[in-house]
Amino acid sequence: MPIYEYVSEHPDDPERSCRICREGFDLRRPVDRAPLEKCLACRNPVRKVISKVNTPRITKPLSVSDAKKAGFTILEKRDQGTYEKL
């Protein structure tokens, strides 16, 4: 199940949001369910927030020995269309 983030539609108005939805909260919900429309604590309107995506960053290319340690097969081009396993 994916984790969705929700935040109050009125984060600056304390009468229209509680501490939980003002700061935002995470909720695990099935994909086929409709987005949450009201805070579970105060029943005021909330909206779904688009989260940041965590992507791995590779700062340097892998060396041949690093690639072999990671389980990759290393091939070197010998002639036109022929490769040899290192």
Protein backbone atom coordinates (compact mmCIF):
# COMPACT_ATOMS: atom_id res chain seq x y z
CA MET A 1 0.00 0.00 0.00
CA PRO A 2 1.35 3.44 -0.87
CA ILE A 3 1.82 6.20 1.67
CA TYR A 4 -0.01 9.46 0.94
CA GLU A 5 0.65 12.84 2.55
CA TYR A 6 -2.20 15.14 3.52
CA VAL A 7 -2.29 18.72 4.80
CA SER A 8 -5.08 21.09 5.84
CA GLU A 9 -6.63 23.28 3.17
CA HIS A 10 -6.50 26.16 5.72
CA PRO A 11 -3.14 25.75 7.53
CA ASP A 12 -3.11 29.37 8.76
CA ASP A 13 -6.59 29.28 10.34
CA PRO A 14 -6.53 27.45 13.72
CA GLU A 15 -10.34 27.32 13.82
CA ARG A 16 -10.48 25.40 10.52
CA SER A 17 -7.61 22.96 11.20
CA CYS A 18 -6.15 21.00 14.10
CA ARG A 19 -2.46 20.62 14.97
CA ILE A 20 -2.29 17.30 13.12
CA CYS A 21 -3.62 18.44 9.75
CA ARG A 22 -1.98 21.89 10.02
CA GLU A 23 1.46 20.24 10.15
CA GLY A 24 0.49 17.47 7.73
CA PHE A 25 0.23 13.72 8.22
CA ASP A 26 0.99 10.48 6.34
CA LEU A 27 -1.56 7.77 5.72
CA ARG A 28 -1.29 4.31 4.15
CA ARG A 29 -4.22 3.73 1.83
CA PRO A 30 -4.97 1.28 -1.00
CA VAL A 31 -4.49 2.68 -4.50
CA ASP A 32 -8.10 2.04 -5.50
CA ARG A 33 -9.57 4.19 -2.67
CA ALA A 34 -10.54 7.80 -3.27
CA PRO A 35 -8.30 10.46 -1.68
CA LEU A 36 -9.12 11.48 1.88
CA GLU A 37 -11.27 14.63 2.00
CA LYS A 38 -11.50 15.31 5.76
CA CYS A 39 -9.02 15.16 8.62
CA LEU A 40 -9.48 12.06 10.74
CA ALA A 41 -9.18 14.09 13.97
CA CYS A 42 -11.05 17.38 13.38
CA ARG A 43 -13.14 16.53 10.27
CA ASN A 44 -12.03 19.73 8.46
CA PRO A 45 -11.07 19.61 4.76
CA VAL A 46 -7.61 18.31 3.78
CA ARG A 47 -5.83 17.94 0.46
CA LYS A 48 -3.37 15.37 -0.83
CA VAL A 49 0.21 16.65 -1.23
CA ILE A 50 2.58 15.57 -3.99
CA SER A 51 5.63 14.08 -2.28
CA LYS A 52 9.25 14.29 -3.28
CA VAL A 53 10.63 11.23 -5.03
CA ASN A 54 13.76 9.67 -3.61
CA THR A 55 16.12 8.71 -6.43
CA PRO A 56 19.59 7.27 -5.95
CA ARG A 57 22.51 9.43 -7.04
CA ILE A 58 25.69 7.96 -8.41
CA THR A 59 28.52 10.44 -8.08
CA LYS A 60 31.07 8.51 -10.13
CA PRO A 61 30.87 5.78 -12.74
CA LEU A 62 31.40 2.23 -11.51
CA SER A 63 34.82 0.75 -12.10
CA VAL A 64 35.17 -2.72 -13.60
CA SER A 65 35.99 -4.22 -10.20
CA ASP A 66 33.00 -2.45 -8.56
CA ALA A 67 30.68 -3.72 -11.30
CA LYS A 68 31.99 -7.29 -10.89
CA LYS A 69 31.49 -7.10 -7.11
CA ALA A 70 27.90 -5.95 -7.72
CA GLY A 71 27.28 -9.04 -9.88
CA PHE A 72 27.36 -7.50 -13.35
CA THR A 73 28.92 -9.24 -16.34
CA ILE A 74 31.59 -7.10 -17.99
CA LEU A 75 32.00 -7.34 -21.77
CA GLU A 76 34.69 -5.73 -23.91
CA LYS A 77 34.28 -5.13 -27.64
CA ARG A 78 36.94 -7.01 -29.65
CA ASP A 79 35.87 -6.80 -33.30
CA GLN A 80 32.87 -5.56 -35.22
CA GLY A 81 29.94 -7.13 -33.35
CA THR A 82 31.96 -9.52 -31.13
CA TYR A 83 32.39 -9.08 -27.39
CA GLU A 84 34.58 -10.96 -24.93
CA LYS A 85 33.72 -11.52 -21.27
CA LEU A 86 36.31 -10.05 -18.90
